[in-house]
Each structure stands twice: as structure tokens, then as C-alpha cells.
Amino acid sequence: MAAEVAVATISAPHDYLPIIVQLIVVLAFVGGTILATHFLGPKRKSKAKLDPFECGIEIHGNARTPFSIKYFLVAILFVLFDVEIIFMYPWAVNFKENLSVGFEAGMNNFIQMSIFLGVVLLGFIYVIKKGVLKWD
């Protein structure tokens, strides 16, 4: 048998020419569209059009009034617990496959997930005890 020799392919600059042409076309299209809308679009300015628009509701007060820290805490907790629960999905999909490998392997994975869920539950109990989810 003849020994197969791996040939390394080296990219030459002309290999990137289609990508460069496509990039130039895209940038020209974006720039042309922006310029066309700027020059061809209507220019009827009025006081009503220059006022800030907030979902059809008249503005009240300053837009930079601070939010309650409770809002941010609930948002961060939602993301935290949501991401932790997302970790369970691949485990649940593969659980039957893990059991088919062997009882010990399946039980080991089950114990690991039980520990993970216990830690998540302890975190949730801590959040409840601290009263983070109360809006009073």
C-alpha cells in the first residue's frame, strides 16, 4: 500500500476575492439606502413630530427617575433560575440513554442532578426568606 501524503492547502489572497466583493456590495447597499432615505424622504418637521413619543402616552416627569432595586433583583433572579433550569433539559433528554449504559451510571447521573436541584432549591428558599420577591 502506498502511503498517503496529506497535502496542506494554502489560501491565496485571490481566494478571498468573492468575500471582499460581497462585503463591498453590502456596504454600498447599506450606504446607498441610508443616503436615499435621507435625501428622498419627507422633511416636514413640526412641534408634535419632534416631541418624545412614548407608546401614545403623554410623558410625565423625567425619564431618568430611578427604578426600585426590587425590579432589578427580580429580573436577575429570573435569569439566574431560568438558566439553571435550562441546564436540566439536556440531562432529561439523555436520562433514558444514561440508564441504558448501566444502572450505576444512570444512578450516578440522577444523584448529581438531585444535588444540583437541591442547591437550586436552597437558593430559592434563601430568596424567599430574604423577602426579595415581596413588592411592599
C-alpha atoms as a PDB file:
ATOM      1  CA  MET A   1       0.000   0.000   0.000  1.00  0.00           C
ATOM      2  CA  ALA A   2       1.254   3.375  -0.884  1.00  0.00           C
ATOM      3  CA  ALA A   3       1.464   5.818   1.947  1.00  0.00           C
ATOM      4  CA  GLU A   4      -0.968   8.666   1.544  1.00  0.00           C
ATOM      5  CA  VAL A   5       0.565  12.067   1.921  1.00  0.00           C
ATOM      6  CA  ALA A   6      -1.536  14.821   3.400  1.00  0.00           C
ATOM      7  CA  VAL A   7      -1.337  17.903   1.257  1.00  0.00           C
ATOM      8  CA  ALA A   8      -1.724  21.175   3.086  1.00  0.00           C
ATOM      9  CA  THR A   9      -3.798  23.708   1.225  1.00  0.00           C
ATOM     10  CA  ILE A  10      -2.628  27.255   1.476  1.00  0.00           C
ATOM     11  CA  SER A  11      -5.077  30.055   0.878  1.00  0.00           C
ATOM     12  CA  ALA A  12      -4.006  32.688  -1.563  1.00  0.00           C
ATOM     13  CA  PRO A  13      -5.277  36.286  -1.401  1.00  0.00           C
ATOM     14  CA  HIS A  14      -7.355  35.811  -4.562  1.00  0.00           C
ATOM     15  CA  ASP A  15      -9.366  33.108  -2.723  1.00  0.00           C
ATOM     16  CA  TYR A  16     -10.896  35.867  -0.590  1.00  0.00           C
ATOM     17  CA  LEU A  17     -11.949  37.985  -3.582  1.00  0.00           C
ATOM     18  CA  PRO A  18     -15.621  36.807  -3.576  1.00  0.00           C
ATOM     19  CA  ILE A  19     -15.944  37.663   0.104  1.00  0.00           C
ATOM     20  CA  ILE A  20     -14.426  41.104  -0.422  1.00  0.00           C
ATOM     21  CA  VAL A  21     -16.710  41.779  -3.398  1.00  0.00           C
ATOM     22  CA  GLN A  22     -19.754  40.724  -1.366  1.00  0.00           C
ATOM     23  CA  LEU A  23     -18.662  42.954   1.524  1.00  0.00           C
ATOM     24  CA  ILE A  24     -18.282  45.928  -0.833  1.00  0.00           C
ATOM     25  CA  VAL A  25     -21.731  45.287  -2.351  1.00  0.00           C
ATOM     26  CA  VAL A  26     -23.345  45.046   1.091  1.00  0.00           C
ATOM     27  CA  LEU A  27     -21.666  48.233   2.357  1.00  0.00           C
ATOM     28  CA  ALA A  28     -22.631  50.084  -0.851  1.00  0.00           C
ATOM     29  CA  PHE A  29     -26.246  48.920  -0.477  1.00  0.00           C
ATOM     30  CA  VAL A  30     -26.428  49.986   3.174  1.00  0.00           C
ATOM     31  CA  GLY A  31     -24.808  53.363   2.477  1.00  0.00           C
ATOM     32  CA  GLY A  32     -26.958  53.934  -0.595  1.00  0.00           C
ATOM     33  CA  THR A  33     -30.145  53.078   1.291  1.00  0.00           C
ATOM     34  CA  ILE A  34     -29.291  55.428   4.140  1.00  0.00           C
ATOM     35  CA  LEU A  35     -28.444  58.267   1.760  1.00  0.00           C
ATOM     36  CA  ALA A  36     -31.553  57.653  -0.365  1.00  0.00           C
ATOM     37  CA  THR A  37     -33.891  57.773   2.627  1.00  0.00           C
ATOM     38  CA  HIS A  38     -32.166  60.911   3.882  1.00  0.00           C
ATOM     39  CA  PHE A  39     -32.418  62.800   0.581  1.00  0.00           C
ATOM     40  CA  LEU A  40     -35.700  61.383  -0.772  1.00  0.00           C
ATOM     41  CA  GLY A  41     -37.722  61.177   2.438  1.00  0.00           C
ATOM     42  CA  PRO A  42     -40.206  63.837   3.549  1.00  0.00           C
ATOM     43  CA  LYS A  43     -38.876  66.693   5.654  1.00  0.00           C
ATOM     44  CA  ARG A  44     -41.960  68.056   7.386  1.00  0.00           C
ATOM     45  CA  LYS A  45     -40.862  68.935  10.905  1.00  0.00           C
ATOM     46  CA  SER A  46     -43.366  70.148  13.448  1.00  0.00           C
ATOM     47  CA  LYS A  47     -43.513  70.537  17.206  1.00  0.00           C
ATOM     48  CA  ALA A  48     -45.659  67.401  17.531  1.00  0.00           C
ATOM     49  CA  LYS A  49     -43.223  65.292  15.491  1.00  0.00           C
ATOM     50  CA  LEU A  50     -40.191  66.473  17.443  1.00  0.00           C
ATOM     51  CA  ASP A  51     -41.748  65.723  20.857  1.00  0.00           C
ATOM     52  CA  PRO A  52     -40.728  62.465  22.540  1.00  0.00           C
ATOM     53  CA  PHE A  53     -43.247  59.702  21.831  1.00  0.00           C
ATOM     54  CA  GLU A  54     -43.873  57.078  24.475  1.00  0.00           C
ATOM     55  CA  CYS A  55     -46.379  54.490  23.228  1.00  0.00           C
ATOM     56  CA  GLY A  56     -49.063  57.100  22.691  1.00  0.00           C
ATOM     57  CA  ILE A  57     -48.928  58.257  26.309  1.00  0.00           C
ATOM     58  CA  GLU A  58     -48.051  61.809  27.241  1.00  0.00           C
ATOM     59  CA  ILE A  59     -44.745  61.990  29.071  1.00  0.00           C
ATOM     60  CA  HIS A  60     -44.797  62.680  32.807  1.00  0.00           C
ATOM     61  CA  GLY A  61     -41.731  63.841  34.653  1.00  0.00           C
ATOM     62  CA  ASN A  62     -38.130  62.971  33.994  1.00  0.00           C
ATOM     63  CA  ALA A  63     -37.208  59.788  32.102  1.00  0.00           C
ATOM     64  CA  ARG A  64     -34.263  59.275  34.421  1.00  0.00           C
ATOM     65  CA  THR A  65     -36.214  58.603  37.598  1.00  0.00           C
ATOM     66  CA  PRO A  66     -34.627  55.674  39.391  1.00  0.00           C
ATOM     67  CA  PHE A  67     -36.332  52.279  39.384  1.00  0.00           C
ATOM     68  CA  SER A  68     -36.815  50.345  42.561  1.00  0.00           C
ATOM     69  CA  ILE A  69     -33.981  47.898  43.181  1.00  0.00           C
ATOM     70  CA  LYS A  70     -36.671  45.206  43.569  1.00  0.00           C
ATOM     71  CA  TYR A  71     -37.285  45.344  39.825  1.00  0.00           C
ATOM     72  CA  PHE A  72     -33.649  44.553  39.067  1.00  0.00           C
ATOM     73  CA  LEU A  73     -33.450  41.853  41.725  1.00  0.00           C
ATOM     74  CA  VAL A  74     -36.470  40.043  40.310  1.00  0.00           C
ATOM     75  CA  ALA A  75     -35.048  40.331  36.785  1.00  0.00           C
ATOM     76  CA  ILE A  76     -31.667  38.938  37.839  1.00  0.00           C
ATOM     77  CA  LEU A  77     -33.290  36.126  39.824  1.00  0.00           C
ATOM     78  CA  PHE A  78     -35.479  35.224  36.855  1.00  0.00           C
ATOM     79  CA  VAL A  79     -32.446  34.962  34.576  1.00  0.00           C
ATOM     80  CA  LEU A  80     -30.486  33.017  37.195  1.00  0.00           C
ATOM     81  CA  PHE A  81     -33.170  30.414  37.873  1.00  0.00           C
ATOM     82  CA  ASP A  82     -34.158  30.238  34.211  1.00  0.00           C
ATOM     83  CA  VAL A  83     -30.593  29.414  33.165  1.00  0.00           C
ATOM     84  CA  GLU A  84     -30.312  26.820  35.919  1.00  0.00           C
ATOM     85  CA  ILE A  85     -33.498  25.127  34.758  1.00  0.00           C
ATOM     86  CA  ILE A  86     -32.268  25.177  31.146  1.00  0.00           C
ATOM     87  CA  PHE A  87     -29.345  23.023  32.301  1.00  0.00           C
ATOM     88  CA  MET A  88     -31.875  20.335  33.204  1.00  0.00           C
ATOM     89  CA  TYR A  89     -33.209  19.944  29.657  1.00  0.00           C
ATOM     90  CA  PRO A  90     -30.212  18.114  28.113  1.00  0.00           C
ATOM     91  CA  TRP A  91     -29.970  15.946  31.215  1.00  0.00           C
ATOM     92  CA  ALA A  92     -33.650  14.987  30.965  1.00  0.00           C
ATOM     93  CA  VAL A  93     -33.333  14.214  27.251  1.00  0.00           C
ATOM     94  CA  ASN A  94     -30.342  11.933  27.852  1.00  0.00           C
ATOM     95  CA  PHE A  95     -31.600  10.358  31.084  1.00  0.00           C
ATOM     96  CA  LYS A  96     -33.047   7.257  29.403  1.00  0.00           C
ATOM     97  CA  GLU A  97     -29.837   6.834  27.399  1.00  0.00           C
ATOM     98  CA  ASN A  98     -27.785   7.122  30.589  1.00  0.00           C
ATOM     99  CA  LEU A  99     -29.859   4.381  32.208  1.00  0.00           C
ATOM    100  CA  SER A 100     -29.257   2.091  29.229  1.00  0.00           C
ATOM    101  CA  VAL A 101     -25.478   2.352  29.807  1.00  0.00           C
ATOM    102  CA  GLY A 102     -25.877   0.807  33.203  1.00  0.00           C
ATOM    103  CA  PHE A 103     -27.731   1.209  36.431  1.00  0.00           C
ATOM    104  CA  GLU A 104     -24.720   2.649  38.260  1.00  0.00           C
ATOM    105  CA  ALA A 105     -24.070   5.279  35.583  1.00  0.00           C
ATOM    106  CA  GLY A 106     -27.757   6.227  35.493  1.00  0.00           C
ATOM    107  CA  MET A 107     -27.956   6.388  39.278  1.00  0.00           C
ATOM    108  CA  ASN A 108     -24.772   8.474  39.413  1.00  0.00           C
ATOM    109  CA  ASN A 109     -26.290  10.988  36.987  1.00  0.00           C
ATOM    110  CA  PHE A 110     -29.537  11.003  38.962  1.00  0.00           C
ATOM    111  CA  ILE A 111     -27.678  11.723  42.216  1.00  0.00           C
ATOM    112  CA  GLN A 112     -25.715  14.531  40.561  1.00  0.00           C
ATOM    113  CA  MET A 113     -28.936  16.130  39.279  1.00  0.00           C
ATOM    114  CA  SER A 114     -30.564  15.701  42.688  1.00  0.00           C
ATOM    115  CA  ILE A 115     -27.660  17.564  44.288  1.00  0.00           C
ATOM    116  CA  PHE A 116     -27.946  20.296  41.641  1.00  0.00           C
ATOM    117  CA  LEU A 117     -31.692  20.643  42.232  1.00  0.00           C
ATOM    118  CA  GLY A 118     -31.089  20.688  45.999  1.00  0.00           C
ATOM    119  CA  VAL A 119     -28.686  23.619  45.614  1.00  0.00           C
ATOM    120  CA  VAL A 120     -31.181  25.426  43.349  1.00  0.00           C
ATOM    121  CA  LEU A 121     -33.951  24.791  45.891  1.00  0.00           C
ATOM    122  CA  LEU A 122     -31.757  26.089  48.742  1.00  0.00           C
ATOM    123  CA  GLY A 123     -31.086  29.245  46.716  1.00  0.00           C
ATOM    124  CA  PHE A 124     -34.794  29.700  46.069  1.00  0.00           C
ATOM    125  CA  ILE A 125     -35.614  29.193  49.781  1.00  0.00           C
ATOM    126  CA  TYR A 126     -32.946  31.766  50.652  1.00  0.00           C
ATOM    127  CA  VAL A 127     -34.504  34.255  48.215  1.00  0.00           C
ATOM    128  CA  ILE A 128     -37.968  33.674  49.717  1.00  0.00           C
ATOM    129  CA  LYS A 129     -36.682  34.008  53.304  1.00  0.00           C
ATOM    130  CA  LYS A 130     -34.922  37.283  52.458  1.00  0.00           C
ATOM    131  CA  GLY A 131     -38.203  38.634  51.052  1.00  0.00           C
ATOM    132  CA  VAL A 132     -36.695  39.623  47.719  1.00  0.00           C
ATOM    133  CA  LEU A 133     -39.889  38.779  45.827  1.00  0.00           C
ATOM    134  CA  LYS A 134     -42.132  40.946  48.049  1.00  0.00           C
ATOM    135  CA  TRP A 135     -43.133  44.228  46.419  1.00  0.00           C
ATOM    136  CA  ASP A 136     -44.067  46.093  49.630  1.00  0.00           C
END
